[in-house]
Amino acid sequence: SSGINAEYGGKLDKQRHGTHGLVNLYLPEATVTWNGNTSQGKNAIAELFGNLPMSTTSVYSVDAQPINERAFNNKAMMIAVTGEVKYAGKSKKEFAQTFILQKTDTTMMKISYDCFRFMNEI
């Protein structure tokens, strides 16, 4: 999980665009829910990430758990992440993010579902 986390964070902050960008970590039919707004498919996800301002992300915690194979017809993992992000011109905000990774035809795992939410102060 730390490998995908480091790769994802680096691409989110510095490589959102192009053929080596963030969208290549996602399955073609993946879904992203970003603060309640849903994008489905690589083109929509690329557009979503392309519209975000530049950022710097710090991760506080990562937890990875396998998902029962019967829930997916492939092997899958759930990864929960907490941290903070600072967008250009904005103050830092804490976030929680949950990914579902699924094994592809190769030995790689790619993101099939991604839910990102800013955490509200209480």
PDB file of N, CA and C in Angstrom:
ATOM      1  N   SER A   1       0.816  -1.202   0.000  1.00  0.00           N
ATOM      2  CA  SER A   1       0.000   0.000   0.000  1.00  0.00           C
ATOM      3  C   SER A   1       0.850   1.253   0.000  1.00  0.00           C
ATOM      4  N   SER A   2       2.038   1.208   0.620  1.00  0.00           N
ATOM      5  CA  SER A   2       2.862   2.410   0.636  1.00  0.00           C
ATOM      6  C   SER A   2       3.369   2.747  -0.757  1.00  0.00           C
ATOM      7  N   GLY A   3       3.546   1.748  -1.622  1.00  0.00           N
ATOM      8  CA  GLY A   3       3.986   1.992  -2.992  1.00  0.00           C
ATOM      9  C   GLY A   3       2.955   2.762  -3.786  1.00  0.00           C
ATOM     10  N   ILE A   4       1.712   2.306  -3.758  1.00  0.00           N
ATOM     11  CA  ILE A   4       0.657   3.012  -4.492  1.00  0.00           C
ATOM     12  C   ILE A   4       0.430   4.385  -3.874  1.00  0.00           C
ATOM     13  N   ASN A   5       0.538   4.487  -2.560  1.00  0.00           N
ATOM     14  CA  ASN A   5       0.339   5.762  -1.887  1.00  0.00           C
ATOM     15  C   ASN A   5       1.385   6.784  -2.330  1.00  0.00           C
ATOM     16  N   ALA A   6       2.660   6.390  -2.366  1.00  0.00           N
ATOM     17  CA  ALA A   6       3.722   7.304  -2.786  1.00  0.00           C
ATOM     18  C   ALA A   6       3.560   7.673  -4.254  1.00  0.00           C
ATOM     19  N   GLU A   7       3.240   6.696  -5.090  1.00  0.00           N
ATOM     20  CA  GLU A   7       3.060   6.967  -6.508  1.00  0.00           C
ATOM     21  C   GLU A   7       1.859   7.884  -6.741  1.00  0.00           C
ATOM     22  N   TYR A   8       0.750   7.606  -6.067  1.00  0.00           N
ATOM     23  CA  TYR A   8      -0.462   8.416  -6.221  1.00  0.00           C
ATOM     24  C   TYR A   8      -0.209   9.851  -5.763  1.00  0.00           C
ATOM     25  N   GLY A   9       0.358  10.012  -4.568  1.00  0.00           N
ATOM     26  CA  GLY A   9       0.600  11.353  -4.031  1.00  0.00           C
ATOM     27  C   GLY A   9       1.518  12.169  -4.922  1.00  0.00           C
ATOM     28  N   GLY A  10       2.571  11.545  -5.423  1.00  0.00           N
ATOM     29  CA  GLY A  10       3.487  12.245  -6.313  1.00  0.00           C
ATOM     30  C   GLY A  10       2.818  12.673  -7.606  1.00  0.00           C
ATOM     31  N   LYS A  11       1.997  11.804  -8.162  1.00  0.00           N
ATOM     32  CA  LYS A  11       1.304  12.135  -9.409  1.00  0.00           C
ATOM     33  C   LYS A  11       0.197  13.167  -9.167  1.00  0.00           C
ATOM     34  N   LEU A  12      -0.476  13.091  -8.021  1.00  0.00           N
ATOM     35  CA  LEU A  12      -1.531  14.064  -7.728  1.00  0.00           C
ATOM     36  C   LEU A  12      -0.940  15.470  -7.641  1.00  0.00           C
ATOM     37  N   ASP A  13       0.206  15.589  -6.995  1.00  0.00           N
ATOM     38  CA  ASP A  13       0.814  16.906  -6.812  1.00  0.00           C
ATOM     39  C   ASP A  13       1.565  17.396  -8.051  1.00  0.00           C
ATOM     40  N   LYS A  14       2.144  16.476  -8.849  1.00  0.00           N
ATOM     41  CA  LYS A  14       3.045  16.921  -9.906  1.00  0.00           C
ATOM     42  C   LYS A  14       2.756  16.403 -11.303  1.00  0.00           C
ATOM     43  N   GLN A  15       1.968  15.342 -11.452  1.00  0.00           N
ATOM     44  CA  GLN A  15       1.766  14.733 -12.768  1.00  0.00           C
ATOM     45  C   GLN A  15       0.309  14.395 -13.012  1.00  0.00           C
ATOM     46  N   ARG A  16      -0.536  15.374 -13.023  1.00  0.00           N
ATOM     47  CA  ARG A  16      -1.958  15.104 -13.243  1.00  0.00           C
ATOM     48  C   ARG A  16      -2.288  14.898 -14.711  1.00  0.00           C
ATOM     49  N   HIS A  17      -1.422  15.380 -15.603  1.00  0.00           N
ATOM     50  CA  HIS A  17      -1.735  15.391 -17.031  1.00  0.00           C
ATOM     51  C   HIS A  17      -0.811  14.441 -17.797  1.00  0.00           C
ATOM     52  N   GLY A  18      -1.186  14.135 -19.035  1.00  0.00           N
ATOM     53  CA  GLY A  18      -0.317  13.398 -19.941  1.00  0.00           C
ATOM     54  C   GLY A  18      -0.401  11.895 -19.791  1.00  0.00           C
ATOM     55  N   THR A  19       0.351  11.210 -20.620  1.00  0.00           N
ATOM     56  CA  THR A  19       0.267   9.745 -20.687  1.00  0.00           C
ATOM     57  C   THR A  19       0.860   9.068 -19.465  1.00  0.00           C
ATOM     58  N   HIS A  20       1.702   9.754 -18.715  1.00  0.00           N
ATOM     59  CA  HIS A  20       2.272   9.157 -17.502  1.00  0.00           C
ATOM     60  C   HIS A  20       1.627   9.717 -16.248  1.00  0.00           C
ATOM     61  N   GLY A  21       0.522  10.389 -16.411  1.00  0.00           N
ATOM     62  CA  GLY A  21      -0.116  11.085 -15.312  1.00  0.00           C
ATOM     63  C   GLY A  21      -0.951  10.195 -14.417  1.00  0.00           C
ATOM     64  N   LEU A  22      -1.601  10.837 -13.505  1.00  0.00           N
ATOM     65  CA  LEU A  22      -2.397  10.209 -12.455  1.00  0.00           C
ATOM     66  C   LEU A  22      -3.477   9.270 -12.988  1.00  0.00           C
ATOM     67  N   VAL A  23      -4.131   9.633 -14.074  1.00  0.00           N
ATOM     68  CA  VAL A  23      -5.263   8.850 -14.588  1.00  0.00           C
ATOM     69  C   VAL A  23      -4.850   7.425 -14.963  1.00  0.00           C
ATOM     70  N   ASN A  24      -3.582   7.191 -15.236  1.00  0.00           N
ATOM     71  CA  ASN A  24      -3.126   5.850 -15.604  1.00  0.00           C
ATOM     72  C   ASN A  24      -3.085   4.878 -14.429  1.00  0.00           C
ATOM     73  N   LEU A  25      -3.299   5.386 -13.214  1.00  0.00           N
ATOM     74  CA  LEU A  25      -3.405   4.501 -12.057  1.00  0.00           C
ATOM     75  C   LEU A  25      -4.816   3.924 -11.924  1.00  0.00           C
ATOM     76  N   TYR A  26      -5.757   4.391 -12.766  1.00  0.00           N
ATOM     77  CA  TYR A  26      -7.171   4.007 -12.691  1.00  0.00           C
ATOM     78  C   TYR A  26      -7.528   3.013 -13.794  1.00  0.00           C
ATOM     79  N   LEU A  27      -8.480   2.122 -13.489  1.00  0.00           N
ATOM     80  CA  LEU A  27      -9.069   1.266 -14.519  1.00  0.00           C
ATOM     81  C   LEU A  27      -9.882   2.135 -15.484  1.00  0.00           C
ATOM     82  N   PRO A  28     -10.050   1.699 -16.737  1.00  0.00           N
ATOM     83  CA  PRO A  28     -10.798   2.512 -17.713  1.00  0.00           C
ATOM     84  C   PRO A  28     -12.209   2.881 -17.258  1.00  0.00           C
ATOM     85  N   GLU A  29     -12.876   2.001 -16.499  1.00  0.00           N
ATOM     86  CA  GLU A  29     -14.255   2.245 -16.070  1.00  0.00           C
ATOM     87  C   GLU A  29     -14.343   2.736 -14.618  1.00  0.00           C
ATOM     88  N   ALA A  30     -13.241   3.194 -14.065  1.00  0.00           N
ATOM     89  CA  ALA A  30     -13.189   3.608 -12.661  1.00  0.00           C
ATOM     90  C   ALA A  30     -14.140   4.761 -12.361  1.00  0.00           C
ATOM     91  N   THR A  31     -14.491   4.873 -11.071  1.00  0.00           N
ATOM     92  CA  THR A  31     -15.338   5.956 -10.576  1.00  0.00           C
ATOM     93  C   THR A  31     -14.581   6.715  -9.491  1.00  0.00           C
ATOM     94  N   VAL A  32     -14.648   8.043  -9.553  1.00  0.00           N
ATOM     95  CA  VAL A  32     -14.091   8.897  -8.512  1.00  0.00           C
ATOM     96  C   VAL A  32     -15.226   9.751  -7.958  1.00  0.00           C
ATOM     97  N   THR A  33     -15.356   9.772  -6.639  1.00  0.00           N
ATOM     98  CA  THR A  33     -16.277  10.688  -5.975  1.00  0.00           C
ATOM     99  C   THR A  33     -15.411  11.668  -5.200  1.00  0.00           C
ATOM    100  N   TRP A  34     -15.404  12.918  -5.635  1.00  0.00           N
ATOM    101  CA  TRP A  34     -14.533  13.958  -5.083  1.00  0.00           C
ATOM    102  C   TRP A  34     -15.409  14.989  -4.379  1.00  0.00           C
ATOM    103  N   ASN A  35     -15.451  14.923  -3.059  1.00  0.00           N
ATOM    104  CA  ASN A  35     -16.293  15.840  -2.275  1.00  0.00           C
ATOM    105  C   ASN A  35     -17.734  15.847  -2.768  1.00  0.00           C
ATOM    106  N   GLY A  36     -18.266  14.661  -3.046  1.00  0.00           N
ATOM    107  CA  GLY A  36     -19.661  14.513  -3.445  1.00  0.00           C
ATOM    108  C   GLY A  36     -19.926  14.593  -4.931  1.00  0.00           C
ATOM    109  N   ASN A  37     -18.923  14.937  -5.742  1.00  0.00           N
ATOM    110  CA  ASN A  37     -19.076  15.024  -7.195  1.00  0.00           C
ATOM    111  C   ASN A  37     -18.479  13.785  -7.840  1.00  0.00           C
ATOM    112  N   THR A  38     -19.269  13.087  -8.648  1.00  0.00           N
ATOM    113  CA  THR A  38     -18.838  11.809  -9.225  1.00  0.00           C
ATOM    114  C   THR A  38     -18.400  11.976 -10.671  1.00  0.00           C
ATOM    115  N   SER A  39     -17.262  11.355 -10.989  1.00  0.00           N
ATOM    116  CA  SER A  39     -16.739  11.273 -12.356  1.00  0.00           C
ATOM    117  C   SER A  39     -16.506   9.804 -12.660  1.00  0.00           C
ATOM    118  N   GLN A  40     -16.920   9.364 -13.846  1.00  0.00           N
ATOM    119  CA  GLN A  40     -16.745   7.960 -14.198  1.00  0.00           C
ATOM    120  C   GLN A  40     -16.022   7.852 -15.536  1.00  0.00           C
ATOM    121  N   GLY A  41     -15.028   6.961 -15.574  1.00  0.00           N
ATOM    122  CA  GLY A  41     -14.238   6.744 -16.779  1.00  0.00           C
ATOM    123  C   GLY A  41     -13.007   7.637 -16.781  1.00  0.00           C
ATOM    124  N   LYS A  42     -11.960   7.162 -17.470  1.00  0.00           N
ATOM    125  CA  LYS A  42     -10.677   7.867 -17.447  1.00  0.00           C
ATOM    126  C   LYS A  42     -10.751   9.299 -17.970  1.00  0.00           C
ATOM    127  N   ASN A  43     -11.540   9.546 -19.019  1.00  0.00           N
ATOM    128  CA  ASN A  43     -11.610  10.915 -19.558  1.00  0.00           C
ATOM    129  C   ASN A  43     -12.207  11.876 -18.545  1.00  0.00           C
ATOM    130  N   ALA A  44     -13.293  11.482 -17.894  1.00  0.00           N
ATOM    131  CA  ALA A  44     -13.932  12.349 -16.892  1.00  0.00           C
ATOM    132  C   ALA A  44     -13.021  12.541 -15.683  1.00  0.00           C
ATOM    133  N   ILE A  45     -12.315  11.492 -15.294  1.00  0.00           N
ATOM    134  CA  ILE A  45     -11.390  11.589 -14.153  1.00  0.00           C
ATOM    135  C   ILE A  45     -10.230  12.517 -14.502  1.00  0.00           C
ATOM    136  N   ALA A  46      -9.693  12.391 -15.713  1.00  0.00           N
ATOM    137  CA  ALA A  46      -8.606  13.273 -16.151  1.00  0.00           C
ATOM    138  C   ALA A  46      -9.059  14.733 -16.140  1.00  0.00           C
ATOM    139  N   GLU A  47     -10.289  14.992 -16.568  1.00  0.00           N
ATOM    140  CA  GLU A  47     -10.820  16.351 -16.568  1.00  0.00           C
ATOM    141  C   GLU A  47     -10.949  16.872 -15.135  1.00  0.00           C
ATOM    142  N   LEU A  48     -11.472  16.038 -14.229  1.00  0.00           N
ATOM    143  CA  LEU A  48     -11.608  16.423 -12.824  1.00  0.00           C
ATOM    144  C   LEU A  48     -10.258  16.821 -12.242  1.00  0.00           C
ATOM    145  N   PHE A  49      -9.263  15.950 -12.369  1.00  0.00           N
ATOM    146  CA  PHE A  49      -7.945  16.232 -11.798  1.00  0.00           C
ATOM    147  C   PHE A  49      -7.264  17.404 -12.498  1.00  0.00           C
ATOM    148  N   GLY A  50      -7.490  17.541 -13.803  1.00  0.00           N
ATOM    149  CA  GLY A  50      -6.899  18.644 -14.550  1.00  0.00           C
ATOM    150  C   GLY A  50      -7.414  19.998 -14.127  1.00  0.00           C
ATOM    151  N   ASN A  51      -8.616  20.033 -13.559  1.00  0.00           N
ATOM    152  CA  ASN A  51      -9.212  21.298 -13.117  1.00  0.00           C
ATOM    153  C   ASN A  51      -8.834  21.683 -11.685  1.00  0.00           C
ATOM    154  N   LEU A  52      -8.148  20.792 -10.967  1.00  0.00           N
ATOM    155  CA  LEU A  52      -7.727  21.117  -9.604  1.00  0.00           C
ATOM    156  C   LEU A  52      -6.492  22.019  -9.645  1.00  0.00           C
ATOM    157  N   PRO A  53      -6.381  22.973  -8.707  1.00  0.00           N
ATOM    158  CA  PRO A  53      -5.168  23.793  -8.654  1.00  0.00           C
ATOM    159  C   PRO A  53      -3.970  22.945  -8.213  1.00  0.00           C
ATOM    160  N   MET A  54      -2.769  23.440  -8.434  1.00  0.00           N
ATOM    161  CA  MET A  54      -1.568  22.736  -7.988  1.00  0.00           C
ATOM    162  C   MET A  54      -1.658  22.506  -6.479  1.00  0.00           C
ATOM    163  N   SER A  55      -1.038  21.426  -6.016  1.00  0.00           N
ATOM    164  CA  SER A  55      -1.193  21.050  -4.609  1.00  0.00           C
ATOM    165  C   SER A  55       0.091  20.467  -4.025  1.00  0.00           C
ATOM    166  N   THR A  56       0.100  20.437  -2.704  1.00  0.00           N
ATOM    167  CA  THR A  56       1.112  19.725  -1.930  1.00  0.00           C
ATOM    168  C   THR A  56       0.345  18.875  -0.932  1.00  0.00           C
ATOM    169  N   THR A  57       0.597  17.564  -0.944  1.00  0.00           N
ATOM    170  CA  THR A  57      -0.150  16.622  -0.112  1.00  0.00           C
ATOM    171  C   THR A  57       0.765  15.983   0.926  1.00  0.00           C
ATOM    172  N   SER A  58       0.286  15.899   2.155  1.00  0.00           N
ATOM    173  CA  SER A  58       0.968  15.181   3.231  1.00  0.00           C
ATOM    174  C   SER A  58       0.028  14.100   3.732  1.00  0.00           C
ATOM    175  N   VAL A  59       0.543  12.879   3.880  1.00  0.00           N
ATOM    176  CA  VAL A  59      -0.261  11.749   4.337  1.00  0.00           C
ATOM    177  C   VAL A  59       0.006  11.504   5.816  1.00  0.00           C
ATOM    178  N   TYR A  60      -1.078  11.372   6.607  1.00  0.00           N
ATOM    179  CA  TYR A  60      -0.980  11.057   8.029  1.00  0.00           C
ATOM    180  C   TYR A  60      -1.011   9.558   8.278  1.00  0.00           C
ATOM    181  N   SER A  61      -1.928   8.862   7.604  1.00  0.00           N
ATOM    182  CA  SER A  61      -2.081   7.427   7.855  1.00  0.00           C
ATOM    183  C   SER A  61      -2.563   6.709   6.604  1.00  0.00           C
ATOM    184  N   VAL A  62      -2.182   5.424   6.514  1.00  0.00           N
ATOM    185  CA  VAL A  62      -2.618   4.550   5.427  1.00  0.00           C
ATOM    186  C   VAL A  62      -2.956   3.201   6.045  1.00  0.00           C
ATOM    187  N   ASP A  63      -4.104   2.653   5.673  1.00  0.00           N
ATOM    188  CA  ASP A  63      -4.498   1.318   6.125  1.00  0.00           C
ATOM    189  C   ASP A  63      -4.982   0.541   4.910  1.00  0.00           C
ATOM    190  N   ALA A  64      -4.427  -0.642   4.706  1.00  0.00           N
ATOM    191  CA  ALA A  64      -4.820  -1.475   3.565  1.00  0.00           C
ATOM    192  C   ALA A  64      -5.367  -2.804   4.070  1.00  0.00           C
ATOM    193  N   GLN A  65      -6.504  -3.214   3.502  1.00  0.00           N
ATOM    194  CA  GLN A  65      -7.147  -4.467   3.887  1.00  0.00           C
ATOM    195  C   GLN A  65      -7.582  -5.216   2.628  1.00  0.00           C
ATOM    196  N   PRO A  66      -7.375  -6.529   2.589  1.00  0.00           N
ATOM    197  CA  PRO A  66      -7.883  -7.296   1.435  1.00  0.00           C
ATOM    198  C   PRO A  66      -9.407  -7.355   1.473  1.00  0.00           C
ATOM    199  N   ILE A  67     -10.006  -7.443   0.297  1.00  0.00           N
ATOM    200  CA  ILE A  67     -11.448  -7.593   0.175  1.00  0.00           C
ATOM    201  C   ILE A  67     -11.729  -9.018  -0.251  1.00  0.00           C
ATOM    202  N   ASN A  68     -12.742  -9.632   0.331  1.00  0.00           N
ATOM    203  CA  ASN A  68     -13.119 -11.003   0.002  1.00  0.00           C
ATOM    204  C   ASN A  68     -13.259 -11.156  -1.515  1.00  0.00           C
ATOM    205  N   GLU A  69     -12.640 -12.189  -2.087  1.00  0.00           N
ATOM    206  CA  GLU A  69     -12.662 -12.407  -3.535  1.00  0.00           C
ATOM    207  C   GLU A  69     -14.071 -12.515  -4.098  1.00  0.00           C
ATOM    208  N   ARG A  70     -15.013 -12.998  -3.320  1.00  0.00           N
ATOM    209  CA  ARG A  70     -16.388 -13.132  -3.828  1.00  0.00           C
ATOM    210  C   ARG A  70     -17.052 -11.778  -4.063  1.00  0.00           C
ATOM    211  N   ALA A  71     -16.587 -10.742  -3.355  1.00  0.00           N
ATOM    212  CA  ALA A  71     -17.158  -9.412  -3.539  1.00  0.00           C
ATOM    213  C   ALA A  71     -16.795  -8.847  -4.912  1.00  0.00           C
ATOM    214  N   PHE A  72     -15.665  -9.250  -5.442  1.00  0.00           N
ATOM    215  CA  PHE A  72     -15.197  -8.863  -6.774  1.00  0.00           C
ATOM    216  C   PHE A  72     -14.789 -10.153  -7.464  1.00  0.00           C
ATOM    217  N   ASN A  73     -14.872 -10.205  -8.766  1.00  0.00           N
ATOM    218  CA  ASN A  73     -14.438 -11.410  -9.465  1.00  0.00           C
ATOM    219  C   ASN A  73     -12.927 -11.449  -9.624  1.00  0.00           C
ATOM    220  N   ASN A  74     -12.258 -10.532  -9.030  1.00  0.00           N
ATOM    221  CA  ASN A  74     -10.809 -10.454  -9.024  1.00  0.00           C
ATOM    222  C   ASN A  74     -10.347 -10.191  -7.607  1.00  0.00           C
ATOM    223  N   LYS A  75      -9.067 -10.265  -7.373  1.00  0.00           N
ATOM    224  CA  LYS A  75      -8.546  -9.888  -6.073  1.00  0.00           C
ATOM    225  C   LYS A  75      -8.621  -8.379  -5.945  1.00  0.00           C
ATOM    226  N   ALA A  76      -8.946  -7.915  -4.756  1.00  0.00           N
ATOM    227  CA  ALA A  76      -9.102  -6.481  -4.542  1.00  0.00           C
ATOM    228  C   ALA A  76      -8.643  -6.114  -3.140  1.00  0.00           C
ATOM    229  N   MET A  77      -8.299  -4.833  -2.982  1.00  0.00           N
ATOM    230  CA  MET A  77      -7.889  -4.288  -1.689  1.00  0.00           C
ATOM    231  C   MET A  77      -8.600  -2.964  -1.471  1.00  0.00           C
ATOM    232  N   MET A  78      -8.849  -2.651  -0.202  1.00  0.00           N
ATOM    233  CA  MET A  78      -9.356  -1.340   0.167  1.00  0.00           C
ATOM    234  C   MET A  78      -8.227  -0.610   0.883  1.00  0.00           C
ATOM    235  N   ILE A  79      -7.982   0.620   0.482  1.00  0.00           N
ATOM    236  CA  ILE A  79      -6.952   1.438   1.123  1.00  0.00           C
ATOM    237  C   ILE A  79      -7.612   2.702   1.642  1.00  0.00           C
ATOM    238  N   ALA A  80      -7.425   2.967   2.926  1.00  0.00           N
ATOM    239  CA  ALA A  80      -7.952   4.181   3.553  1.00  0.00           C
ATOM    240  C   ALA A  80      -6.773   5.093   3.892  1.00  0.00           C
ATOM    241  N   VAL A  81      -6.884   6.359   3.527  1.00  0.00           N
ATOM    242  CA  VAL A  81      -5.807   7.331   3.704  1.00  0.00           C
ATOM    243  C   VAL A  81      -6.373   8.568   4.397  1.00  0.00           C
ATOM    244  N   THR A  82      -5.607   9.133   5.314  1.00  0.00           N
ATOM    245  CA  THR A  82      -5.928  10.449   5.858  1.00  0.00           C
ATOM    246  C   THR A  82      -4.709  11.330   5.674  1.00  0.00           C
ATOM    247  N   GLY A  83      -4.953  12.628   5.567  1.00  0.00           N
ATOM    248  CA  GLY A  83      -3.838  13.549   5.398  1.00  0.00           C
ATOM    249  C   GLY A  83      -4.321  14.968   5.280  1.00  0.00           C
ATOM    250  N   GLU A  84      -3.435  15.812   4.730  1.00  0.00           N
ATOM    251  CA  GLU A  84      -3.811  17.189   4.476  1.00  0.00           C
ATOM    252  C   GLU A  84      -3.276  17.581   3.108  1.00  0.00           C
ATOM    253  N   VAL A  85      -3.998  18.498   2.483  1.00  0.00           N
ATOM    254  CA  VAL A  85      -3.608  18.986   1.168  1.00  0.00           C
ATOM    255  C   VAL A  85      -3.662  20.505   1.189  1.00  0.00           C
ATOM    256  N   LYS A  86      -2.698  21.110   0.512  1.00  0.00           N
ATOM    257  CA  LYS A  86      -2.693  22.562   0.353  1.00  0.00           C
ATOM    258  C   LYS A  86      -2.713  22.859  -1.132  1.00  0.00           C
ATOM    259  N   TYR A  87      -3.783  23.499  -1.570  1.00  0.00           N
ATOM    260  CA  TYR A  87      -3.895  23.937  -2.958  1.00  0.00           C
ATOM    261  C   TYR A  87      -3.339  25.339  -3.089  1.00  0.00           C
ATOM    262  N   ALA A  88      -2.799  25.659  -4.250  1.00  0.00           N
ATOM    263  CA  ALA A  88      -2.223  26.980  -4.505  1.00  0.00           C
ATOM    264  C   ALA A  88      -3.225  28.068  -4.115  1.00  0.00           C
ATOM    265  N   GLY A  89      -2.773  29.011  -3.288  1.00  0.00           N
ATOM    266  CA  GLY A  89      -3.610  30.129  -2.899  1.00  0.00           C
ATOM    267  C   GLY A  89      -4.656  29.826  -1.850  1.00  0.00           C
ATOM    268  N   LYS A  90      -4.670  28.620  -1.306  1.00  0.00           N
ATOM    269  CA  LYS A  90      -5.674  28.220  -0.301  1.00  0.00           C
ATOM    270  C   LYS A  90      -4.965  27.757   0.973  1.00  0.00           C
ATOM    271  N   SER A  91      -5.703  27.698   2.081  1.00  0.00           N
ATOM    272  CA  SER A  91      -5.135  27.164   3.315  1.00  0.00           C
ATOM    273  C   SER A  91      -5.201  25.634   3.296  1.00  0.00           C
ATOM    274  N   LYS A  92      -4.415  24.994   4.156  1.00  0.00           N
ATOM    275  CA  LYS A  92      -4.396  23.532   4.236  1.00  0.00           C
ATOM    276  C   LYS A  92      -5.742  22.999   4.672  1.00  0.00           C
ATOM    277  N   LYS A  93      -6.111  21.823   4.127  1.00  0.00           N
ATOM    278  CA  LYS A  93      -7.344  21.156   4.530  1.00  0.00           C
ATOM    279  C   LYS A  93      -7.037  19.682   4.773  1.00  0.00           C
ATOM    280  N   GLU A  94      -7.620  19.140   5.851  1.00  0.00           N
ATOM    281  CA  GLU A  94      -7.492  17.715   6.113  1.00  0.00           C
ATOM    282  C   GLU A  94      -8.475  16.952   5.235  1.00  0.00           C
ATOM    283  N   PHE A  95      -8.099  15.713   4.876  1.00  0.00           N
ATOM    284  CA  PHE A  95      -8.959  14.895   4.023  1.00  0.00           C
ATOM    285  C   PHE A  95      -8.922  13.439   4.456  1.00  0.00           C
ATOM    286  N   ALA A  96      -9.949  12.715   4.022  1.00  0.00           N
ATOM    287  CA  ALA A  96     -10.002  11.253   4.132  1.00  0.00           C
ATOM    288  C   ALA A  96     -10.262  10.739   2.717  1.00  0.00           C
ATOM    289  N   GLN A  97      -9.587   9.652   2.353  1.00  0.00           N
ATOM    290  CA  GLN A  97      -9.733   9.103   1.010  1.00  0.00           C
ATOM    291  C   GLN A  97      -9.716   7.590   1.102  1.00  0.00           C
ATOM    292  N   THR A  98     -10.622   6.955   0.355  1.00  0.00           N
ATOM    293  CA  THR A  98     -10.693   5.504   0.312  1.00  0.00           C
ATOM    294  C   THR A  98     -10.600   5.056  -1.139  1.00  0.00           C
ATOM    295  N   PHE A  99      -9.709   4.109  -1.384  1.00  0.00           N
ATOM    296  CA  PHE A  99      -9.523   3.535  -2.716  1.00  0.00           C
ATOM    297  C   PHE A  99      -9.922   2.071  -2.700  1.00  0.00           C
ATOM    298  N   ILE A 100     -10.454   1.584  -3.805  1.00  0.00           N
ATOM    299  CA  ILE A 100     -10.574   0.148  -4.041  1.00  0.00           C
ATOM    300  C   ILE A 100      -9.620  -0.157  -5.197  1.00  0.00           C
ATOM    301  N   LEU A 101      -8.673  -1.038  -4.946  1.00  0.00           N
ATOM    302  CA  LEU A 101      -7.741  -1.480  -5.978  1.00  0.00           C
ATOM    303  C   LEU A 101      -8.157  -2.860  -6.449  1.00  0.00           C
ATOM    304  N   GLN A 102      -8.114  -3.082  -7.758  1.00  0.00           N
ATOM    305  CA  GLN A 102      -8.423  -4.400  -8.312  1.00  0.00           C
ATOM    306  C   GLN A 102      -7.264  -4.863  -9.160  1.00  0.00           C
ATOM    307  N   LYS A 103      -7.005  -6.154  -9.087  1.00  0.00           N
ATOM    308  CA  LYS A 103      -5.957  -6.745  -9.898  1.00  0.00           C
ATOM    309  C   LYS A 103      -6.396  -6.724 -11.360  1.00  0.00           C
ATOM    310  N   THR A 104      -5.477  -6.331 -12.238  1.00  0.00           N
ATOM    311  CA  THR A 104      -5.757  -6.316 -13.677  1.00  0.00           C
ATOM    312  C   THR A 104      -5.373  -7.675 -14.269  1.00  0.00           C
ATOM    313  N   ASP A 105      -5.395  -7.785 -15.586  1.00  0.00           N
ATOM    314  CA  ASP A 105      -4.991  -9.033 -16.244  1.00  0.00           C
ATOM    315  C   ASP A 105      -3.529  -9.355 -15.984  1.00  0.00           C
ATOM    316  N   THR A 106      -2.751  -8.322 -15.674  1.00  0.00           N
ATOM    317  CA  THR A 106      -1.347  -8.516 -15.329  1.00  0.00           C
ATOM    318  C   THR A 106      -1.249  -8.632 -13.815  1.00  0.00           C
ATOM    319  N   THR A 107      -0.074  -8.488 -13.296  1.00  0.00           N
ATOM    320  CA  THR A 107       0.093  -8.542 -11.839  1.00  0.00           C
ATOM    321  C   THR A 107      -0.163  -7.186 -11.190  1.00  0.00           C
ATOM    322  N   MET A 108      -0.445  -6.176 -12.012  1.00  0.00           N
ATOM    323  CA  MET A 108      -0.698  -4.832 -11.481  1.00  0.00           C
ATOM    324  C   MET A 108      -2.060  -4.732 -10.812  1.00  0.00           C
ATOM    325  N   MET A 109      -2.154  -3.770  -9.902  1.00  0.00           N
ATOM    326  CA  MET A 109      -3.449  -3.406  -9.343  1.00  0.00           C
ATOM    327  C   MET A 109      -3.707  -1.964  -9.742  1.00  0.00           C
ATOM    328  N   LYS A 110      -4.962  -1.683 -10.099  1.00  0.00           N
ATOM    329  CA  LYS A 110      -5.343  -0.324 -10.478  1.00  0.00           C
ATOM    330  C   LYS A 110      -6.567   0.082  -9.671  1.00  0.00           C
ATOM    331  N   ILE A 111      -6.797   1.382  -9.603  1.00  0.00           N
ATOM    332  CA  ILE A 111      -7.894   1.927  -8.818  1.00  0.00           C
ATOM    333  C   ILE A 111      -9.203   1.757  -9.585  1.00  0.00           C
ATOM    334  N   SER A 112     -10.188   1.111  -8.935  1.00  0.00           N
ATOM    335  CA  SER A 112     -11.511   0.989  -9.550  1.00  0.00           C
ATOM    336  C   SER A 112     -12.499   1.986  -8.936  1.00  0.00           C
ATOM    337  N   TYR A 113     -12.256   2.377  -7.682  1.00  0.00           N
ATOM    338  CA  TYR A 113     -13.123   3.342  -7.016  1.00  0.00           C
ATOM    339  C   TYR A 113     -12.269   4.193  -6.099  1.00  0.00           C
ATOM    340  N   ASP A 114     -12.560   5.483  -6.044  1.00  0.00           N
ATOM    341  CA  ASP A 114     -11.800   6.443  -5.251  1.00  0.00           C
ATOM    342  C   ASP A 114     -12.792   7.443  -4.675  1.00  0.00           C
ATOM    343  N   CYS A 115     -12.821   7.545  -3.363  1.00  0.00           N
ATOM    344  CA  CYS A 115     -13.719   8.496  -2.700  1.00  0.00           C
ATOM    345  C   CYS A 115     -12.873   9.444  -1.848  1.00  0.00           C
ATOM    346  N   PHE A 116     -12.874  10.717  -2.196  1.00  0.00           N
ATOM    347  CA  PHE A 116     -12.097  11.751  -1.514  1.00  0.00           C
ATOM    348  C   PHE A 116     -13.069  12.726  -0.861  1.00  0.00           C
ATOM    349  N   ARG A 117     -12.786  13.096   0.392  1.00  0.00           N
ATOM    350  CA  ARG A 117     -13.671  14.038   1.088  1.00  0.00           C
ATOM    351  C   ARG A 117     -12.831  14.899   2.022  1.00  0.00           C
ATOM    352  N   PHE A 118     -13.036  16.233   1.940  1.00  0.00           N
ATOM    353  CA  PHE A 118     -12.429  17.112   2.942  1.00  0.00           C
ATOM    354  C   PHE A 118     -13.098  16.846   4.269  1.00  0.00           C
ATOM    355  N   MET A 119     -12.312  16.891   5.336  1.00  0.00           N
ATOM    356  CA  MET A 119     -12.860  16.671   6.664  1.00  0.00           C
ATOM    357  C   MET A 119     -13.249  18.027   7.250  1.00  0.00           C
ATOM    358  N   ASN A 120     -14.442  18.105   7.791  1.00  0.00           N
ATOM    359  CA  ASN A 120     -14.938  19.352   8.384  1.00  0.00           C
ATOM    360  C   ASN A 120     -14.489  19.459   9.825  1.00  0.00           C
ATOM    361  N   GLU A 121     -14.204  20.668  10.229  1.00  0.00           N
ATOM    362  CA  GLU A 121     -13.884  20.903  11.635  1.00  0.00           C
ATOM    363  C   GLU A 121     -15.161  20.782  12.459  1.00  0.00           C
ATOM    364  N   ILE A 122     -15.017  20.246  13.669  1.00  0.00           N
ATOM    365  CA  ILE A 122     -16.175  20.091  14.558  1.00  0.00           C
ATOM    366  C   ILE A 122     -16.220  21.219  15.541  1.00  0.00           C
TER     367      ILE A 122
END
